[in-house]
Amino acid sequence: MTLSVLNTFYNSLVKEASEGRVDCYFKFNVCFGTYIRDLDCFIPSKINNKNYLVPILVINDFDLFNNLLVQYVDMSLNYYKDEPYFQELDELDDSFFYKQKMVLCLLWSNATIGDFNNPEEYLKKRINFMRNHMEEKIYLGFSSVLKANLECIIFKDRIFNETPNSIVFKAYLDDKVYYFPVIRFGISDDIVYIYAMQKNIKFVGEETFSKKINRQLYKVNEGVDINDKSCPNIMNVTSSFVVAGDLFIWLFNELGFKNFKAISPLPIRWNSKNIKNQKSGFTCLKLKEKQDYENATKKFFNTFRRISYHTNNLYALQNGENLEIKVSEFEDYTNNKIFNEIKSLTKNNNSLIK
């Protein structure tokens, strides 16, 4: 396994990533350079375009990196053994090679610039994400504000997504269901890393009931001073995302977690869209796509800033490229009816085992 993984990484993936195109049986737009500090070896990216943010993978400790890389691939192949994509590859003679390469390719697709600079710590974190795997269904109780039951489902996610685990909250009444955005997360060293909040076509609720819930969700604006200059862009959020984020924070707080990190944009995924558009005749992201991407990034961090705005024992501060979110020991106070109820439902829930 060791030689096989390292051969796939250095002799195949690193070379192809320097050219911006990785063949994992399916082609992926992955672009980065590599520098091995111990060997003073540099494999530069051949992509030279000002519209790309091309990271450099800086391998600081060659032996440690290799050991962790092999461990990560071994765990991933087992963790994702039932992945439909892997089952497709089983028909190929060199299926094991492509499975390894896919795991390695997606590993760096989910890395931030900071992760590329310190890949040894990044590998430890990703290994812990799989070790701290969760699959749960938790009933949270009846919401008098939404006039519906609340439940969350924590599930094992597909290999193509940012994290091994995701969670979706849902409101339901009888056979009518409303789904909140899916939150993709991982846990390492008692820190909960939040990579994305996304609407997911897999979870589609009943239309009339969803409209009713969405009207109630506008109550998140209770307690907001739009003239408060200390909190710019406080209204640049989506209500369903704010409530999903609040449910997530206080649910995991009751599970024993006080430290969270919202992760900055992932450069490989950003570049992938650029490369795709260039091959279609565009020089970079189309203007609307770029604006949508930048706005979504700002709104992701703003979502957690907005949650902290409503409560006195939650802090959301940017530290480097990520947003750190901390629950303090202060007596909690919330100036909003929905958030007050969410705290109450998570605190008084007998289903939560710490």
Protein backbone atom coordinates (compact mmCIF):
# COMPACT_ATOMS: atom_id res chain seq x y z
CA MET A 1 0.00 0.00 0.00
CA THR A 2 2.73 2.51 0.98
CA LEU A 3 4.70 2.39 -2.27
CA SER A 4 1.52 2.28 -4.32
CA VAL A 5 0.09 5.44 -2.70
CA LEU A 6 3.34 7.39 -2.91
CA ASN A 7 3.90 6.37 -6.52
CA THR A 8 0.36 7.47 -7.44
CA PHE A 9 0.83 10.78 -5.63
CA TYR A 10 4.31 11.85 -6.78
CA ASN A 11 4.51 10.27 -10.22
CA SER A 12 0.94 10.86 -11.33
CA LEU A 13 -1.10 13.35 -9.32
CA VAL A 14 1.61 15.95 -8.61
CA LYS A 15 2.69 16.03 -12.26
CA GLU A 16 -0.84 16.30 -13.62
CA ALA A 17 -1.88 18.91 -11.01
CA SER A 18 0.99 21.12 -12.18
CA GLU A 19 -0.71 21.14 -15.60
CA GLY A 20 -4.20 21.80 -14.19
CA ARG A 21 -5.85 18.55 -15.28
CA VAL A 22 -5.98 15.31 -13.26
CA ASP A 23 -7.19 12.03 -14.76
CA CYS A 24 -9.07 9.91 -12.21
CA TYR A 25 -10.82 8.01 -15.02
CA PHE A 26 -13.00 11.13 -14.99
CA LYS A 27 -11.07 14.37 -15.62
CA PHE A 28 -10.82 16.99 -12.86
CA ASN A 29 -9.61 20.60 -13.06
CA VAL A 30 -7.06 20.52 -10.23
CA CYS A 31 -4.16 22.94 -10.28
CA PHE A 32 -1.29 23.40 -7.80
CA GLY A 33 2.49 23.41 -7.58
CA THR A 34 4.55 21.35 -5.11
CA TYR A 35 7.64 22.14 -3.04
CA ILE A 36 9.40 19.44 -0.98
CA ARG A 37 11.43 21.36 1.58
CA ASP A 38 13.67 18.47 2.75
CA LEU A 39 14.74 17.75 -0.83
CA ASP A 40 14.66 21.36 -2.04
CA CYS A 41 12.57 20.08 -4.94
CA PHE A 42 10.05 22.35 -6.68
CA ILE A 43 7.46 21.25 -9.23
CA PRO A 44 5.93 24.54 -10.43
CA SER A 45 2.46 24.95 -11.82
CA LYS A 46 2.43 25.43 -15.58
CA ILE A 47 -0.80 27.41 -15.31
CA ASN A 48 -0.04 31.11 -15.62
CA ASN A 49 -3.25 33.10 -15.40
CA LYS A 50 -3.96 36.10 -13.17
CA ASN A 51 -7.54 34.88 -12.69
CA TYR A 52 -6.31 31.73 -10.91
CA LEU A 53 -5.24 31.50 -7.29
CA VAL A 54 -2.73 28.68 -7.74
CA PRO A 55 -1.56 27.30 -4.37
CA ILE A 56 1.81 25.70 -3.67
CA LEU A 57 1.78 22.49 -1.67
CA VAL A 58 4.69 22.97 0.77
CA ILE A 59 5.77 19.61 2.18
CA ASN A 60 7.67 20.62 5.31
CA ASP A 61 8.47 17.18 6.76
CA PHE A 62 8.86 14.66 3.95
CA ASP A 63 8.74 11.47 6.06
CA LEU A 64 5.86 12.61 8.26
CA PHE A 65 3.90 13.80 5.26
CA ASN A 66 4.33 10.48 3.45
CA ASN A 67 3.29 8.46 6.51
CA LEU A 68 0.18 10.57 7.05
CA LEU A 69 -0.69 10.51 3.35
CA VAL A 70 -0.60 6.71 3.24
CA GLN A 71 -2.67 6.52 6.43
CA TYR A 72 -5.22 8.95 5.02
CA VAL A 73 -5.63 7.07 1.73
CA ASP A 74 -5.95 3.72 3.52
CA MET A 75 -8.67 5.09 5.82
CA SER A 76 -10.50 6.82 2.97
CA LEU A 77 -10.64 3.71 0.80
CA ASN A 78 -12.28 1.88 3.68
CA TYR A 79 -14.53 4.79 4.69
CA TYR A 80 -15.87 5.27 1.15
CA LYS A 81 -15.90 1.59 0.16
CA ASP A 82 -19.62 1.77 -0.67
CA GLU A 83 -19.25 4.97 -2.71
CA PRO A 84 -21.13 4.53 -6.04
CA TYR A 85 -18.20 6.05 -7.94
CA PHE A 86 -15.90 3.34 -6.56
CA GLN A 87 -18.36 0.66 -7.61
CA GLU A 88 -18.20 2.00 -11.18
CA LEU A 89 -14.41 1.71 -11.11
CA ASP A 90 -14.49 -1.92 -9.95
CA GLU A 91 -15.06 -2.95 -13.56
CA LEU A 92 -11.66 -1.55 -14.60
CA ASP A 93 -8.40 -3.52 -14.50
CA ASP A 94 -6.61 -0.65 -12.74
CA SER A 95 -9.52 0.30 -10.46
CA PHE A 96 -7.33 0.42 -7.33
CA PHE A 97 -5.04 3.00 -8.94
CA TYR A 98 -7.98 5.23 -9.88
CA LYS A 99 -9.54 4.91 -6.42
CA GLN A 100 -6.29 6.02 -4.80
CA LYS A 101 -5.93 8.87 -7.24
CA MET A 102 -9.50 10.06 -6.67
CA VAL A 103 -8.97 10.12 -2.90
CA LEU A 104 -5.74 12.10 -3.35
CA CYS A 105 -7.30 14.49 -5.87
CA LEU A 106 -10.29 15.33 -3.66
CA LEU A 107 -8.07 15.68 -0.61
CA TRP A 108 -6.43 18.77 -2.10
CA SER A 109 -9.69 20.02 -3.58
CA ASN A 110 -10.85 20.55 0.01
CA ALA A 111 -7.70 22.34 1.24
CA THR A 112 -7.42 26.04 2.06
CA ILE A 113 -4.31 28.11 1.35
CA GLY A 114 -3.30 27.56 4.98
CA ASP A 115 -3.67 23.80 4.53
CA PHE A 116 -1.38 23.87 1.48
CA ASN A 117 1.23 25.66 3.61
CA ASN A 118 0.98 23.12 6.43
CA PRO A 119 -0.20 19.86 4.85
CA GLU A 120 1.00 17.65 7.70
CA GLU A 121 -1.50 19.27 10.10
CA TYR A 122 -4.13 19.22 7.39
CA LEU A 123 -3.73 15.46 6.93
CA LYS A 124 -4.05 14.90 10.69
CA LYS A 125 -7.25 16.95 10.65
CA ARG A 126 -8.76 15.04 7.73
CA ILE A 127 -7.89 11.71 9.35
CA ASN A 128 -9.66 12.86 12.52
CA PHE A 129 -12.72 13.82 10.48
CA MET A 130 -13.15 10.15 9.55
CA ARG A 131 -12.32 8.90 13.05
CA ASN A 132 -14.99 11.20 14.48
CA HIS A 133 -17.64 9.92 12.08
CA MET A 134 -21.24 10.46 13.14
CA GLU A 135 -24.57 9.10 11.93
CA GLU A 136 -27.52 10.19 14.05
CA LYS A 137 -31.16 11.17 13.87
CA ILE A 138 -32.16 13.47 16.73
CA TYR A 139 -35.61 14.78 17.53
CA LEU A 140 -35.27 18.31 18.92
CA GLY A 141 -38.88 19.02 19.85
CA PHE A 142 -41.82 21.15 18.76
CA SER A 143 -41.17 24.74 17.69
CA SER A 144 -43.96 27.08 18.74
CA VAL A 145 -42.50 29.77 16.45
CA LEU A 146 -42.43 27.61 13.32
CA LYS A 147 -45.45 25.58 14.45
CA ALA A 148 -43.68 22.37 13.46
CA ASN A 149 -41.50 19.60 14.84
CA LEU A 150 -37.72 19.93 14.48
CA GLU A 151 -35.36 17.07 13.77
CA CYS A 152 -31.79 16.71 12.52
CA ILE A 153 -30.17 13.97 10.48
CA ILE A 154 -26.38 13.56 10.57
CA PHE A 155 -25.25 11.40 7.68
CA LYS A 156 -22.23 10.06 5.85
CA ASP A 157 -21.66 12.19 2.75
CA ARG A 158 -20.45 11.42 -0.76
CA ILE A 159 -16.73 11.41 -1.53
CA PHE A 160 -17.09 14.41 -3.87
CA ASN A 161 -18.27 16.76 -1.10
CA GLU A 162 -16.13 18.81 1.26
CA THR A 163 -16.40 16.64 4.38
CA PRO A 164 -17.12 13.01 5.33
CA ASN A 165 -20.15 14.09 7.39
CA SER A 166 -23.07 16.42 6.80
CA ILE A 167 -26.17 17.42 8.73
CA VAL A 168 -29.60 18.60 7.66
CA PHE A 169 -32.28 20.03 9.94
CA LYS A 170 -35.91 19.63 9.01
CA ALA A 171 -39.22 21.05 10.20
CA TYR A 172 -42.23 18.80 9.73
CA LEU A 173 -45.89 18.51 10.59
CA ASP A 174 -47.73 15.31 9.75
CA ASP A 175 -46.52 14.42 6.22
CA LYS A 176 -45.34 17.94 5.32
CA VAL A 177 -41.59 18.61 5.46
CA TYR A 178 -39.32 21.66 5.17
CA TYR A 179 -35.55 21.16 4.83
CA PHE A 180 -32.98 23.69 5.97
CA PRO A 181 -29.64 23.99 4.09
CA VAL A 182 -27.21 21.09 4.41
CA ILE A 183 -24.17 21.85 6.59
CA ARG A 184 -20.93 20.03 5.76
CA PHE A 185 -18.64 19.62 8.77
CA GLY A 186 -15.82 17.67 10.38
CA ILE A 187 -14.48 17.31 13.93
CA SER A 188 -10.81 17.35 14.95
CA ASP A 189 -9.21 18.04 18.36
CA ASP A 190 -12.52 19.23 19.87
CA ILE A 191 -13.00 21.83 17.11
CA VAL A 192 -15.97 21.63 14.74
CA TYR A 193 -14.96 22.74 11.23
CA ILE A 194 -17.79 24.06 9.06
CA TYR A 195 -16.95 23.90 5.36
CA ALA A 196 -20.21 24.77 3.63
CA MET A 197 -23.92 25.52 3.98
CA GLN A 198 -25.82 24.65 0.82
CA LYS A 199 -29.29 24.04 -0.50
CA ASN A 200 -29.39 20.44 -1.67
CA ILE A 201 -31.69 19.01 -4.35
CA LYS A 202 -31.65 15.72 -2.42
CA PHE A 203 -33.71 17.42 0.29
CA VAL A 204 -36.79 19.07 -1.20
CA GLY A 205 -39.78 19.85 1.00
CA GLU A 206 -43.48 20.29 0.24
CA GLU A 207 -43.95 23.66 -1.49
CA THR A 208 -46.93 25.14 0.40
CA PHE A 209 -45.55 24.10 3.78
CA SER A 210 -42.09 25.42 2.84
CA LYS A 211 -43.55 28.84 2.01
CA LYS A 212 -45.29 28.90 5.39
CA ILE A 213 -42.04 28.08 7.23
CA ASN A 214 -40.10 30.66 5.21
CA ARG A 215 -42.55 33.37 6.28
CA GLN A 216 -41.95 32.47 9.93
CA LEU A 217 -38.18 32.51 9.39
CA TYR A 218 -38.28 36.25 8.67
CA LYS A 219 -38.64 36.62 12.43
CA VAL A 220 -34.86 36.27 12.61
CA ASN A 221 -34.84 40.02 11.92
CA GLU A 222 -36.33 40.68 15.35
CA GLY A 223 -33.78 42.55 17.46
CA VAL A 224 -31.70 43.81 14.51
CA ASP A 225 -30.71 47.49 14.40
CA ILE A 226 -30.11 48.17 10.71
CA ASN A 227 -28.49 51.49 11.64
CA ASP A 228 -25.84 49.83 13.82
CA LYS A 229 -22.63 50.87 12.04
CA SER A 230 -20.55 48.48 14.15
CA CYS A 231 -22.17 45.57 12.29
CA PRO A 232 -22.02 46.28 8.54
CA ASN A 233 -23.82 43.88 6.22
CA ILE A 234 -25.83 42.50 9.16
CA MET A 235 -28.80 42.03 6.81
CA ASN A 236 -26.73 40.32 4.08
CA VAL A 237 -27.86 36.85 5.13
CA THR A 238 -30.56 34.32 4.27
CA SER A 239 -32.97 33.49 7.09
CA SER A 240 -32.97 29.72 6.57
CA PHE A 241 -29.15 29.64 6.65
CA VAL A 242 -29.03 31.70 9.85
CA VAL A 243 -31.50 29.41 11.63
CA ALA A 244 -29.71 26.27 10.37
CA GLY A 245 -26.38 27.68 11.60
CA ASP A 246 -27.87 28.56 14.98
CA LEU A 247 -29.38 25.09 15.37
CA PHE A 248 -26.01 23.58 14.46
CA ILE A 249 -23.97 25.67 16.92
CA TRP A 250 -26.21 25.04 19.92
CA LEU A 251 -26.77 21.37 19.10
CA PHE A 252 -23.02 20.73 19.04
CA ASN A 253 -22.51 22.94 22.07
CA GLU A 254 -24.82 20.61 23.98
CA LEU A 255 -22.75 17.69 22.66
CA GLY A 256 -19.75 19.27 24.39
CA PHE A 257 -18.18 21.50 21.72
CA LYS A 258 -17.36 25.17 22.34
CA ASN A 259 -15.01 25.95 19.43
CA PHE A 260 -16.01 26.14 15.78
CA LYS A 261 -14.32 27.32 12.59
CA ALA A 262 -16.04 28.43 9.40
CA ILE A 263 -13.60 27.59 6.61
CA SER A 264 -12.46 30.08 3.97
CA PRO A 265 -12.94 29.46 0.22
CA LEU A 266 -11.15 26.45 -1.25
CA PRO A 267 -8.79 27.56 -4.07
CA ILE A 268 -8.90 24.32 -6.07
CA ARG A 269 -12.69 24.45 -6.32
CA TRP A 270 -12.51 28.14 -7.28
CA ASN A 271 -9.91 27.44 -9.99
CA SER A 272 -11.92 24.51 -11.31
CA LYS A 273 -14.70 26.84 -12.45
CA ASN A 274 -12.16 29.21 -14.01
CA ILE A 275 -10.51 26.40 -15.98
CA LYS A 276 -13.87 25.02 -17.11
CA ASN A 277 -14.94 28.43 -18.42
CA GLN A 278 -11.61 28.98 -20.17
CA LYS A 279 -12.05 25.72 -22.06
CA SER A 280 -15.52 26.97 -23.08
CA GLY A 281 -14.06 30.15 -24.56
CA PHE A 282 -14.19 32.43 -21.52
CA THR A 283 -11.01 33.89 -20.01
CA CYS A 284 -12.29 33.60 -16.43
CA LEU A 285 -15.46 33.26 -14.42
CA LYS A 286 -18.33 35.06 -16.07
CA LEU A 287 -19.16 38.28 -14.22
CA LYS A 288 -22.36 37.00 -12.63
CA GLU A 289 -20.67 33.76 -11.51
CA LYS A 290 -17.83 35.73 -9.93
CA GLN A 291 -20.23 38.08 -8.16
CA ASP A 292 -22.35 35.16 -6.95
CA TYR A 293 -19.27 33.33 -5.67
CA GLU A 294 -17.89 36.34 -3.82
CA ASN A 295 -21.30 37.15 -2.35
CA ALA A 296 -21.81 33.55 -1.20
CA THR A 297 -18.40 33.61 0.52
CA LYS A 298 -19.22 36.82 2.38
CA LYS A 299 -22.66 35.54 3.32
CA PHE A 300 -21.17 32.31 4.71
CA PHE A 301 -19.12 34.23 7.29
CA ASN A 302 -21.86 36.82 7.79
CA THR A 303 -24.27 34.03 8.73
CA PHE A 304 -22.24 33.23 11.85
CA ARG A 305 -21.55 36.89 12.61
CA ARG A 306 -25.30 37.41 12.52
CA ILE A 307 -25.89 34.53 14.95
CA SER A 308 -23.35 36.00 17.39
CA TYR A 309 -25.05 39.41 17.03
CA HIS A 310 -28.16 38.01 18.71
CA THR A 311 -26.52 36.40 21.73
CA ASN A 312 -24.03 37.59 24.32
CA ASN A 313 -22.13 34.32 24.82
CA LEU A 314 -21.12 33.59 21.24
CA TYR A 315 -18.21 35.29 19.44
CA ALA A 316 -17.44 35.14 15.72
CA LEU A 317 -14.10 36.74 14.81
CA GLN A 318 -11.93 36.32 11.74
CA ASN A 319 -8.51 34.86 12.50
CA GLY A 320 -6.38 34.63 9.37
CA GLU A 321 -8.34 33.04 6.55
CA ASN A 322 -11.02 31.39 8.70
CA LEU A 323 -13.79 32.62 11.00
CA GLU A 324 -13.44 31.40 14.58
CA ILE A 325 -16.66 30.94 16.55
CA LYS A 326 -16.47 30.44 20.31
CA VAL A 327 -19.09 29.80 22.98
CA SER A 328 -18.20 31.61 26.22
CA GLU A 329 -19.11 30.81 29.81
CA PHE A 330 -21.12 34.01 30.21
CA GLU A 331 -24.77 33.66 31.13
CA ASP A 332 -26.53 33.54 27.80
CA TYR A 333 -28.97 36.14 26.62
CA THR A 334 -30.70 36.21 23.25
CA ASN A 335 -32.66 39.14 21.83
CA ASN A 336 -34.68 37.07 19.38
CA LYS A 337 -37.62 34.70 19.89
CA ILE A 338 -36.49 32.08 17.37
CA PHE A 339 -32.94 31.90 18.73
CA ASN A 340 -34.26 31.79 22.29
CA GLU A 341 -36.41 28.79 21.43
CA ILE A 342 -33.55 27.01 19.64
CA LYS A 343 -31.36 27.26 22.75
CA SER A 344 -34.22 25.96 24.86
CA LEU A 345 -34.89 22.99 22.57
CA THR A 346 -31.24 21.91 22.49
CA LYS A 347 -30.60 22.47 26.21
CA ASN A 348 -33.61 20.50 27.38
CA ASN A 349 -33.27 17.60 24.97
CA ASN A 350 -32.93 14.13 26.48
CA SER A 351 -31.88 12.71 23.10
CA LEU A 352 -28.47 14.41 23.27
CA ILE A 353 -25.76 12.21 24.77
CA LYS A 354 -22.63 14.14 25.69
